[in-house]
Amino acid sequence: MANAETDARAQKRPLSPHLTIFRPWLTMAMSMAHRITGAGLYLGMALLALYLLGAGMGGWLHALTGWLASGFIGGMIVFLITWAIFHHLLGGIRHALWDRGLYMDKEGRELLAKASLFGGIGLTLLLWILKAIAG
């Protein structure tokens, strides 16, 4: 009888853990953001390649890519790519520390998650402020 009862309970459980099982926490969100920024950087590099292609081809294509990049949308895309670079870099450092067995306790994981979140935002703002000052 115990076997049938155990089998019935096992069939109701999900086969693997997922977001409805785990309570979301900051390290989980930062892991997802690390993956999303990694994918976003592929798109950003493709846009950079198109911009450089336009600059290299000259003429109307250069005028078009320059116009797109200098507008509000282009500026916002460059700003978000800048944030993605810093966030992904800091997330990679976080994972490199974990690969060495460092900061694996709960407090350490939270510290690194907060550092990658606020560090990415802070470094992005710092770079853009310095850019504005430099003119």
Protein backbone atom coordinates (compact mmCIF):
# COMPACT_ATOMS: atom_id res chain seq x y z
CA MET A 1 0.00 0.00 0.00
CA ALA A 2 2.81 2.40 0.79
CA ASN A 3 4.18 1.97 -2.72
CA ALA A 4 0.92 2.98 -4.41
CA GLU A 5 0.62 5.99 -2.11
CA THR A 6 4.19 7.09 -2.84
CA ASP A 7 3.65 6.66 -6.59
CA ALA A 8 0.49 8.79 -6.48
CA ARG A 9 2.31 11.60 -4.66
CA ALA A 10 5.25 11.41 -7.07
CA GLN A 11 2.94 11.79 -10.07
CA LYS A 12 1.49 15.04 -8.67
CA ARG A 13 4.89 16.67 -8.20
CA PRO A 14 6.61 18.48 -11.04
CA LEU A 15 9.49 16.62 -12.65
CA SER A 16 11.95 19.42 -11.96
CA PRO A 17 11.94 22.56 -9.80
CA HIS A 18 10.64 25.70 -11.45
CA LEU A 19 9.55 29.23 -10.57
CA THR A 20 6.25 28.14 -9.04
CA ILE A 21 8.14 26.00 -6.51
CA PHE A 22 10.97 28.33 -5.50
CA ARG A 23 10.36 31.67 -3.82
CA PRO A 24 12.12 34.26 -6.01
CA TRP A 25 15.16 35.95 -4.49
CA LEU A 26 17.73 38.46 -5.65
CA THR A 27 20.36 35.93 -6.73
CA MET A 28 17.77 34.21 -8.92
CA ALA A 29 16.82 37.52 -10.52
CA MET A 30 20.47 38.42 -11.09
CA SER A 31 21.08 35.03 -12.71
CA MET A 32 18.20 35.65 -15.10
CA ALA A 33 19.41 39.20 -15.77
CA HIS A 34 22.91 37.84 -16.49
CA ARG A 35 21.50 35.53 -19.16
CA ILE A 36 19.26 38.24 -20.62
CA THR A 37 22.10 40.78 -20.80
CA GLY A 38 24.31 38.17 -22.44
CA ALA A 39 21.70 37.65 -25.15
CA GLY A 40 21.14 41.42 -25.41
CA LEU A 41 24.83 41.97 -25.99
CA TYR A 42 24.62 39.80 -29.11
CA LEU A 43 21.95 42.15 -30.45
CA GLY A 44 24.02 45.17 -29.39
CA MET A 45 27.10 43.89 -31.20
CA ALA A 46 25.00 43.28 -34.33
CA LEU A 47 23.76 46.89 -34.15
CA LEU A 48 27.35 48.09 -33.67
CA ALA A 49 28.42 46.09 -36.72
CA LEU A 50 25.62 47.68 -38.78
CA TYR A 51 26.63 51.13 -37.58
CA LEU A 52 30.28 50.50 -38.49
CA LEU A 53 29.23 49.08 -41.84
CA GLY A 54 27.25 52.26 -42.49
CA ALA A 55 30.24 54.37 -41.51
CA GLY A 56 32.51 52.34 -43.77
CA MET A 57 30.17 52.43 -46.76
CA GLY A 58 29.63 56.17 -46.53
CA GLY A 59 26.98 58.10 -48.40
CA TRP A 60 23.32 57.64 -47.60
CA LEU A 61 23.94 54.55 -45.46
CA HIS A 62 26.30 56.48 -43.19
CA ALA A 63 23.79 59.31 -42.96
CA LEU A 64 21.02 56.86 -42.08
CA THR A 65 22.95 54.99 -39.38
CA GLY A 66 24.27 58.27 -37.95
CA TRP A 67 20.76 59.69 -37.81
CA LEU A 68 19.42 56.55 -36.11
CA ALA A 69 22.24 56.45 -33.56
CA SER A 70 22.04 60.14 -32.68
CA GLY A 71 18.32 60.19 -31.90
CA PHE A 72 16.60 59.47 -28.59
CA ILE A 73 15.99 55.82 -29.41
CA GLY A 74 19.59 55.32 -30.52
CA GLY A 75 20.87 57.03 -27.37
CA MET A 76 18.63 54.84 -25.21
CA ILE A 77 19.88 51.70 -26.99
CA VAL A 78 23.51 52.73 -26.43
CA PHE A 79 22.73 53.51 -22.77
CA LEU A 80 21.10 50.10 -22.26
CA ILE A 81 23.97 48.33 -24.02
CA THR A 82 26.38 50.15 -21.70
CA TRP A 83 24.41 48.92 -18.70
CA ALA A 84 24.28 45.38 -20.15
CA ILE A 85 28.06 45.35 -20.58
CA PHE A 86 28.72 46.39 -16.97
CA HIS A 87 26.00 44.15 -15.53
CA HIS A 88 27.18 41.14 -17.50
CA LEU A 89 30.81 41.83 -16.57
CA LEU A 90 30.00 42.00 -12.87
CA GLY A 91 27.80 38.91 -13.14
CA GLY A 92 30.72 37.08 -14.73
CA ILE A 93 32.98 38.14 -11.86
CA ARG A 94 30.32 36.91 -9.42
CA HIS A 95 30.27 33.52 -11.14
CA ALA A 96 34.09 33.39 -11.23
CA LEU A 97 34.15 33.92 -7.46
CA TRP A 98 31.59 31.15 -7.01
CA ASP A 99 33.66 28.84 -9.23
CA ARG A 100 36.46 29.26 -6.69
CA GLY A 101 34.10 28.45 -3.81
CA LEU A 102 34.03 32.02 -2.49
CA TYR A 103 30.93 33.79 -1.14
CA MET A 104 28.80 30.64 -1.34
CA ASP A 105 27.03 31.27 1.97
CA LYS A 106 23.68 33.08 2.03
CA GLU A 107 25.14 36.44 3.06
CA GLY A 108 27.89 36.20 0.44
CA ARG A 109 25.44 35.35 -2.34
CA GLU A 110 23.23 38.31 -1.41
CA LEU A 111 26.26 40.62 -1.20
CA LEU A 112 27.44 39.65 -4.69
CA ALA A 113 23.91 39.91 -6.12
CA LYS A 114 23.51 43.42 -4.73
CA ALA A 115 27.00 44.35 -5.90
CA SER A 116 26.27 43.24 -9.45
CA LEU A 117 22.90 45.01 -9.47
CA PHE A 118 23.98 48.34 -8.01
CA GLY A 119 27.50 48.14 -9.45
CA GLY A 120 26.16 47.81 -12.99
CA ILE A 121 23.83 50.75 -12.52
CA GLY A 122 26.49 52.84 -10.77
CA LEU A 123 29.21 52.17 -13.35
CA THR A 124 26.82 52.96 -16.19
CA LEU A 125 25.77 56.26 -14.63
CA LEU A 126 29.38 57.13 -13.79
CA LEU A 127 30.49 56.52 -17.37
CA TRP A 128 27.67 58.62 -18.82
CA ILE A 129 28.26 61.43 -16.33
CA LEU A 130 31.96 61.45 -17.22
CA LYS A 131 30.99 61.46 -20.92
CA ALA A 132 28.72 64.46 -20.35
CA ILE A 133 31.42 66.32 -18.44
CA ALA A 134 34.05 65.59 -21.08
CA GLY A 135 31.67 66.89 -23.72
